[in-house]
Amino acid sequence: MCIFCKLVAGEIASNKILESDDFIAFHDLYPKAPIHVLVIPKEHIECFQEVSGEIMAKMTPFIQEVAKITGIDKSGYRLITNNGENGGQEVHHLHFHLMGGAKLPFGHYKDEPNKSL
């Protein structure tokens, strides 16, 4: 059972922001922005490549509501999902990072080009 499935099952505590029958949003333990929330489906879905359009259609308004609750819906935010090993996915349960609360840099795009690309 993955760490997010344990969270869904109540075996691991989280600082929840919003929960529905299908999704949970909670604060990231290692935030990379003033507001950094993880949004996950309760159903175990390995990655974005495996998610159905039906789940995404339900997840979209849920994420939009989390943005409103956290107060970043008007100022702007970044929504990221990493897909697979080369995409940087560390937890193999579909999740979105919702980050905001400040003007966010573009990471490796901000500085000199990465010569390994």
N, C-alpha and C. Protein backbone atom coordinates (compact mmCIF):
# COMPACT_ATOMS: atom_id res chain seq x y z
N MET A 1 0.85 -1.18 0.00
CA MET A 1 0.00 0.00 0.00
C MET A 1 0.90 1.24 0.00
N CYS A 2 0.66 2.18 -0.91
CA CYS A 2 1.49 3.37 -1.01
C CYS A 2 1.16 4.36 0.12
N ILE A 3 2.02 5.33 0.30
CA ILE A 3 1.86 6.30 1.38
C ILE A 3 0.56 7.09 1.25
N PHE A 4 0.15 7.43 0.04
CA PHE A 4 -1.10 8.18 -0.13
C PHE A 4 -2.31 7.30 0.12
N CYS A 5 -2.22 6.03 -0.21
CA CYS A 5 -3.33 5.11 0.11
C CYS A 5 -3.46 4.96 1.62
N LYS A 6 -2.33 4.95 2.33
CA LYS A 6 -2.37 4.90 3.79
C LYS A 6 -3.01 6.16 4.36
N LEU A 7 -2.73 7.30 3.74
CA LEU A 7 -3.35 8.56 4.16
C LEU A 7 -4.86 8.50 3.95
N VAL A 8 -5.28 8.01 2.79
CA VAL A 8 -6.71 7.87 2.49
C VAL A 8 -7.38 6.95 3.50
N ALA A 9 -6.69 5.87 3.89
CA ALA A 9 -7.23 4.89 4.84
C ALA A 9 -7.20 5.39 6.28
N GLY A 10 -6.60 6.55 6.52
CA GLY A 10 -6.54 7.09 7.87
C GLY A 10 -5.39 6.56 8.70
N GLU A 11 -4.48 5.82 8.08
CA GLU A 11 -3.33 5.27 8.79
C GLU A 11 -2.23 6.31 9.00
N ILE A 12 -2.24 7.36 8.19
CA ILE A 12 -1.27 8.45 8.29
C ILE A 12 -2.05 9.74 8.40
N ALA A 13 -1.67 10.59 9.34
CA ALA A 13 -2.33 11.88 9.52
C ALA A 13 -1.87 12.87 8.46
N SER A 14 -2.75 13.81 8.16
CA SER A 14 -2.39 14.89 7.24
C SER A 14 -3.12 16.15 7.67
N ASN A 15 -2.61 17.26 7.22
CA ASN A 15 -3.23 18.55 7.49
C ASN A 15 -4.17 18.85 6.32
N LYS A 16 -5.38 18.29 6.38
CA LYS A 16 -6.33 18.38 5.29
C LYS A 16 -6.90 19.79 5.13
N ILE A 17 -7.11 20.14 3.88
CA ILE A 17 -7.75 21.40 3.52
C ILE A 17 -9.17 21.15 3.07
N LEU A 18 -9.34 20.10 2.27
CA LEU A 18 -10.65 19.78 1.72
C LEU A 18 -10.70 18.28 1.44
N GLU A 19 -11.87 17.70 1.63
CA GLU A 19 -12.06 16.28 1.34
C GLU A 19 -13.45 16.08 0.76
N SER A 20 -13.53 15.23 -0.23
CA SER A 20 -14.81 14.84 -0.82
C SER A 20 -14.86 13.32 -0.84
N ASP A 21 -15.89 12.77 -1.45
CA ASP A 21 -15.98 11.31 -1.57
C ASP A 21 -14.84 10.75 -2.43
N ASP A 22 -14.33 11.58 -3.35
CA ASP A 22 -13.35 11.08 -4.33
C ASP A 22 -11.92 11.60 -4.15
N PHE A 23 -11.74 12.75 -3.46
CA PHE A 23 -10.44 13.41 -3.43
C PHE A 23 -10.11 13.96 -2.04
N ILE A 24 -8.81 14.17 -1.82
CA ILE A 24 -8.32 14.82 -0.60
C ILE A 24 -7.27 15.85 -1.01
N ALA A 25 -7.31 17.00 -0.36
CA ALA A 25 -6.28 18.03 -0.52
C ALA A 25 -5.68 18.29 0.85
N PHE A 26 -4.35 18.31 0.91
CA PHE A 26 -3.66 18.51 2.19
C PHE A 26 -2.35 19.24 1.96
N HIS A 27 -1.85 19.88 3.02
CA HIS A 27 -0.60 20.63 2.94
C HIS A 27 0.58 19.69 2.74
N ASP A 28 1.50 20.07 1.85
CA ASP A 28 2.72 19.31 1.61
C ASP A 28 3.63 19.42 2.83
N LEU A 29 4.24 18.33 3.22
CA LEU A 29 5.15 18.33 4.38
C LEU A 29 6.43 19.11 4.11
N TYR A 30 6.83 19.22 2.86
CA TYR A 30 8.06 19.92 2.48
C TYR A 30 7.73 20.98 1.43
N PRO A 31 7.07 22.06 1.84
CA PRO A 31 6.58 23.05 0.87
C PRO A 31 7.69 23.74 0.10
N LYS A 32 7.42 23.98 -1.16
CA LYS A 32 8.33 24.69 -2.05
C LYS A 32 7.80 26.08 -2.39
N ALA A 33 6.70 26.46 -1.76
CA ALA A 33 6.07 27.78 -1.96
C ALA A 33 5.31 28.11 -0.68
N PRO A 34 4.96 29.38 -0.48
CA PRO A 34 4.19 29.74 0.72
C PRO A 34 2.92 28.90 0.89
N ILE A 35 2.26 28.59 -0.21
CA ILE A 35 1.13 27.67 -0.20
C ILE A 35 1.51 26.52 -1.12
N HIS A 36 1.54 25.32 -0.55
CA HIS A 36 1.91 24.13 -1.32
C HIS A 36 1.00 23.00 -0.84
N VAL A 37 0.05 22.66 -1.68
CA VAL A 37 -0.97 21.67 -1.35
C VAL A 37 -0.84 20.49 -2.31
N LEU A 38 -1.07 19.30 -1.81
CA LEU A 38 -1.16 18.11 -2.66
C LEU A 38 -2.62 17.72 -2.79
N VAL A 39 -3.03 17.40 -3.99
CA VAL A 39 -4.40 16.96 -4.26
C VAL A 39 -4.31 15.57 -4.86
N ILE A 40 -5.01 14.62 -4.24
CA ILE A 40 -4.95 13.23 -4.70
C ILE A 40 -6.35 12.64 -4.84
N PRO A 41 -6.51 11.70 -5.77
CA PRO A 41 -7.75 10.93 -5.78
C PRO A 41 -7.66 9.88 -4.68
N LYS A 42 -8.78 9.53 -4.09
CA LYS A 42 -8.80 8.49 -3.07
C LYS A 42 -8.52 7.12 -3.70
N GLU A 43 -8.96 6.94 -4.91
CA GLU A 43 -8.68 5.71 -5.65
C GLU A 43 -7.21 5.69 -6.05
N HIS A 44 -6.56 4.57 -5.89
CA HIS A 44 -5.15 4.48 -6.30
C HIS A 44 -5.07 4.46 -7.83
N ILE A 45 -4.48 5.50 -8.36
CA ILE A 45 -4.18 5.61 -9.78
C ILE A 45 -2.69 5.89 -9.85
N GLU A 46 -1.97 5.07 -10.55
CA GLU A 46 -0.50 5.12 -10.56
C GLU A 46 0.05 6.48 -10.99
N CYS A 47 -0.47 7.03 -12.09
CA CYS A 47 0.10 8.27 -12.63
C CYS A 47 -0.90 8.93 -13.58
N PHE A 48 -0.54 10.12 -14.04
CA PHE A 48 -1.42 10.88 -14.93
C PHE A 48 -1.73 10.12 -16.22
N GLN A 49 -0.78 9.36 -16.71
CA GLN A 49 -0.97 8.63 -17.96
C GLN A 49 -2.08 7.59 -17.83
N GLU A 50 -2.42 7.19 -16.60
CA GLU A 50 -3.43 6.16 -16.38
C GLU A 50 -4.79 6.71 -15.93
N VAL A 51 -4.89 8.01 -15.70
CA VAL A 51 -6.14 8.57 -15.18
C VAL A 51 -7.17 8.73 -16.30
N SER A 52 -8.42 8.49 -15.96
CA SER A 52 -9.49 8.63 -16.96
C SER A 52 -9.95 10.09 -17.05
N GLY A 53 -10.54 10.39 -18.18
CA GLY A 53 -11.13 11.72 -18.35
C GLY A 53 -12.24 11.98 -17.35
N GLU A 54 -12.97 10.93 -16.98
CA GLU A 54 -14.06 11.07 -16.01
C GLU A 54 -13.53 11.52 -14.64
N ILE A 55 -12.42 10.92 -14.19
CA ILE A 55 -11.83 11.32 -12.91
C ILE A 55 -11.34 12.76 -13.01
N MET A 56 -10.67 13.10 -14.10
CA MET A 56 -10.15 14.47 -14.26
C MET A 56 -11.29 15.49 -14.32
N ALA A 57 -12.41 15.11 -14.92
CA ALA A 57 -13.55 16.02 -14.98
C ALA A 57 -14.09 16.33 -13.58
N LYS A 58 -14.00 15.35 -12.67
CA LYS A 58 -14.42 15.57 -11.29
C LYS A 58 -13.34 16.30 -10.49
N MET A 59 -12.10 16.01 -10.81
CA MET A 59 -10.98 16.57 -10.04
C MET A 59 -10.78 18.06 -10.32
N THR A 60 -11.08 18.49 -11.53
CA THR A 60 -10.87 19.90 -11.89
C THR A 60 -11.62 20.86 -10.97
N PRO A 61 -12.93 20.72 -10.77
CA PRO A 61 -13.60 21.65 -9.86
C PRO A 61 -13.14 21.51 -8.41
N PHE A 62 -12.70 20.32 -8.03
CA PHE A 62 -12.18 20.11 -6.68
C PHE A 62 -10.91 20.94 -6.49
N ILE A 63 -9.99 20.88 -7.45
CA ILE A 63 -8.75 21.66 -7.38
C ILE A 63 -9.07 23.15 -7.40
N GLN A 64 -10.01 23.56 -8.22
CA GLN A 64 -10.40 24.97 -8.27
C GLN A 64 -10.94 25.44 -6.92
N GLU A 65 -11.69 24.59 -6.24
CA GLU A 65 -12.21 24.93 -4.91
C GLU A 65 -11.08 25.04 -3.90
N VAL A 66 -10.09 24.17 -3.98
CA VAL A 66 -8.93 24.25 -3.08
C VAL A 66 -8.19 25.58 -3.31
N ALA A 67 -8.06 25.99 -4.56
CA ALA A 67 -7.42 27.28 -4.86
C ALA A 67 -8.19 28.42 -4.22
N LYS A 68 -9.51 28.36 -4.24
CA LYS A 68 -10.33 29.39 -3.60
C LYS A 68 -10.15 29.38 -2.09
N ILE A 69 -10.19 28.20 -1.49
CA ILE A 69 -10.07 28.07 -0.04
C ILE A 69 -8.72 28.62 0.44
N THR A 70 -7.66 28.35 -0.32
CA THR A 70 -6.34 28.81 0.08
C THR A 70 -6.06 30.26 -0.32
N GLY A 71 -6.99 30.87 -1.05
CA GLY A 71 -6.88 32.28 -1.40
C GLY A 71 -5.94 32.59 -2.55
N ILE A 72 -5.66 31.61 -3.39
CA ILE A 72 -4.75 31.85 -4.51
C ILE A 72 -5.46 31.80 -5.87
N ASP A 73 -6.78 31.66 -5.84
CA ASP A 73 -7.53 31.56 -7.09
C ASP A 73 -7.44 32.83 -7.93
N LYS A 74 -7.34 33.98 -7.30
CA LYS A 74 -7.28 35.25 -8.05
C LYS A 74 -5.85 35.69 -8.35
N SER A 75 -4.93 35.44 -7.42
CA SER A 75 -3.55 35.91 -7.60
C SER A 75 -2.74 35.01 -8.53
N GLY A 76 -3.15 33.76 -8.66
CA GLY A 76 -2.47 32.83 -9.55
C GLY A 76 -1.76 31.73 -8.80
N TYR A 77 -1.54 30.64 -9.49
CA TYR A 77 -0.90 29.48 -8.88
C TYR A 77 -0.31 28.60 -9.96
N ARG A 78 0.50 27.67 -9.52
CA ARG A 78 1.08 26.67 -10.40
C ARG A 78 0.48 25.32 -10.04
N LEU A 79 0.10 24.56 -11.04
CA LEU A 79 -0.46 23.22 -10.85
C LEU A 79 0.43 22.25 -11.61
N ILE A 80 1.03 21.31 -10.87
CA ILE A 80 2.03 20.41 -11.46
C ILE A 80 1.70 18.97 -11.11
N THR A 81 1.87 18.09 -12.07
CA THR A 81 1.91 16.67 -11.79
C THR A 81 3.14 16.11 -12.50
N ASN A 82 3.87 15.28 -11.79
CA ASN A 82 5.03 14.61 -12.36
C ASN A 82 4.57 13.22 -12.80
N ASN A 83 5.02 12.80 -13.97
CA ASN A 83 4.55 11.53 -14.52
C ASN A 83 5.73 10.63 -14.84
N GLY A 84 5.84 9.54 -14.09
CA GLY A 84 6.89 8.55 -14.35
C GLY A 84 8.27 8.97 -13.88
N GLU A 85 9.19 8.06 -14.00
CA GLU A 85 10.56 8.26 -13.50
C GLU A 85 11.23 9.48 -14.11
N ASN A 86 11.22 9.62 -15.43
CA ASN A 86 11.87 10.75 -16.07
C ASN A 86 11.15 12.07 -15.81
N GLY A 87 9.89 12.00 -15.43
CA GLY A 87 9.14 13.20 -15.10
C GLY A 87 9.29 13.62 -13.65
N GLY A 88 10.03 12.83 -12.88
CA GLY A 88 10.29 13.19 -11.49
C GLY A 88 9.26 12.69 -10.50
N GLN A 89 8.41 11.76 -10.89
CA GLN A 89 7.40 11.24 -9.97
C GLN A 89 8.06 10.38 -8.90
N GLU A 90 7.88 10.76 -7.64
CA GLU A 90 8.49 10.03 -6.53
C GLU A 90 7.48 9.12 -5.83
N VAL A 91 6.24 9.58 -5.70
CA VAL A 91 5.18 8.76 -5.11
C VAL A 91 4.29 8.30 -6.26
N HIS A 92 4.17 7.01 -6.43
CA HIS A 92 3.44 6.47 -7.58
C HIS A 92 1.96 6.29 -7.26
N HIS A 93 1.35 7.43 -6.97
CA HIS A 93 -0.09 7.60 -6.78
C HIS A 93 -0.34 8.98 -7.35
N LEU A 94 -1.22 9.09 -8.31
CA LEU A 94 -1.48 10.37 -8.97
C LEU A 94 -1.66 11.48 -7.94
N HIS A 95 -0.94 12.57 -8.10
CA HIS A 95 -1.11 13.72 -7.23
C HIS A 95 -0.71 14.99 -7.98
N PHE A 96 -1.37 16.05 -7.60
CA PHE A 96 -1.09 17.36 -8.17
C PHE A 96 -0.54 18.26 -7.07
N HIS A 97 0.47 19.03 -7.40
CA HIS A 97 1.02 20.04 -6.52
C HIS A 97 0.34 21.36 -6.90
N LEU A 98 -0.35 21.98 -5.96
CA LEU A 98 -0.96 23.29 -6.14
C LEU A 98 -0.12 24.26 -5.33
N MET A 99 0.59 25.16 -6.01
CA MET A 99 1.52 26.06 -5.32
C MET A 99 1.23 27.51 -5.68
N GLY A 100 1.33 28.36 -4.67
CA GLY A 100 1.12 29.78 -4.88
C GLY A 100 1.46 30.57 -3.63
N GLY A 101 0.88 31.76 -3.55
CA GLY A 101 1.12 32.61 -2.40
C GLY A 101 2.27 33.58 -2.59
N ALA A 102 2.93 33.52 -3.74
CA ALA A 102 4.04 34.41 -4.09
C ALA A 102 4.30 34.24 -5.58
N LYS A 103 5.05 35.18 -6.15
CA LYS A 103 5.45 35.01 -7.56
C LYS A 103 6.49 33.90 -7.59
N LEU A 104 6.19 32.83 -8.29
CA LEU A 104 7.05 31.64 -8.29
C LEU A 104 8.07 31.70 -9.41
N PRO A 105 9.34 31.35 -9.10
CA PRO A 105 10.35 31.30 -10.16
C PRO A 105 10.11 30.10 -11.05
N PHE A 106 10.78 30.08 -12.17
CA PHE A 106 10.64 28.97 -13.10
C PHE A 106 11.73 27.93 -12.93
N GLY A 107 12.35 27.87 -11.78
CA GLY A 107 13.34 26.83 -11.49
C GLY A 107 14.46 26.82 -12.49
N HIS A 108 14.71 25.67 -13.11
CA HIS A 108 15.84 25.55 -14.03
C HIS A 108 15.67 26.41 -15.28
N TYR A 109 14.47 26.88 -15.55
CA TYR A 109 14.26 27.76 -16.70
C TYR A 109 14.72 29.18 -16.41
N LYS A 110 14.86 29.51 -15.14
CA LYS A 110 15.19 30.87 -14.73
C LYS A 110 16.65 31.20 -14.99
N ASP A 111 17.55 30.27 -14.79
CA ASP A 111 18.97 30.50 -14.91
C ASP A 111 19.49 30.03 -16.26
N GLU A 112 20.77 29.78 -16.31
CA GLU A 112 21.38 29.30 -17.55
C GLU A 112 20.76 27.97 -17.97
N PRO A 113 20.73 27.70 -19.25
CA PRO A 113 20.18 26.42 -19.72
C PRO A 113 20.95 25.25 -19.11
N ASN A 114 20.24 24.19 -18.83
CA ASN A 114 20.85 22.99 -18.29
C ASN A 114 21.59 22.29 -19.42
N LYS A 115 22.89 22.19 -19.29
CA LYS A 115 23.72 21.63 -20.37
C LYS A 115 23.45 20.14 -20.58
N SER A 116 22.85 19.48 -19.58
CA SER A 116 22.59 18.04 -19.74
C SER A 116 21.34 17.79 -20.59
N LEU A 117 20.57 18.83 -20.87
CA LEU A 117 19.37 18.64 -21.69
C LEU A 117 19.78 18.50 -23.11
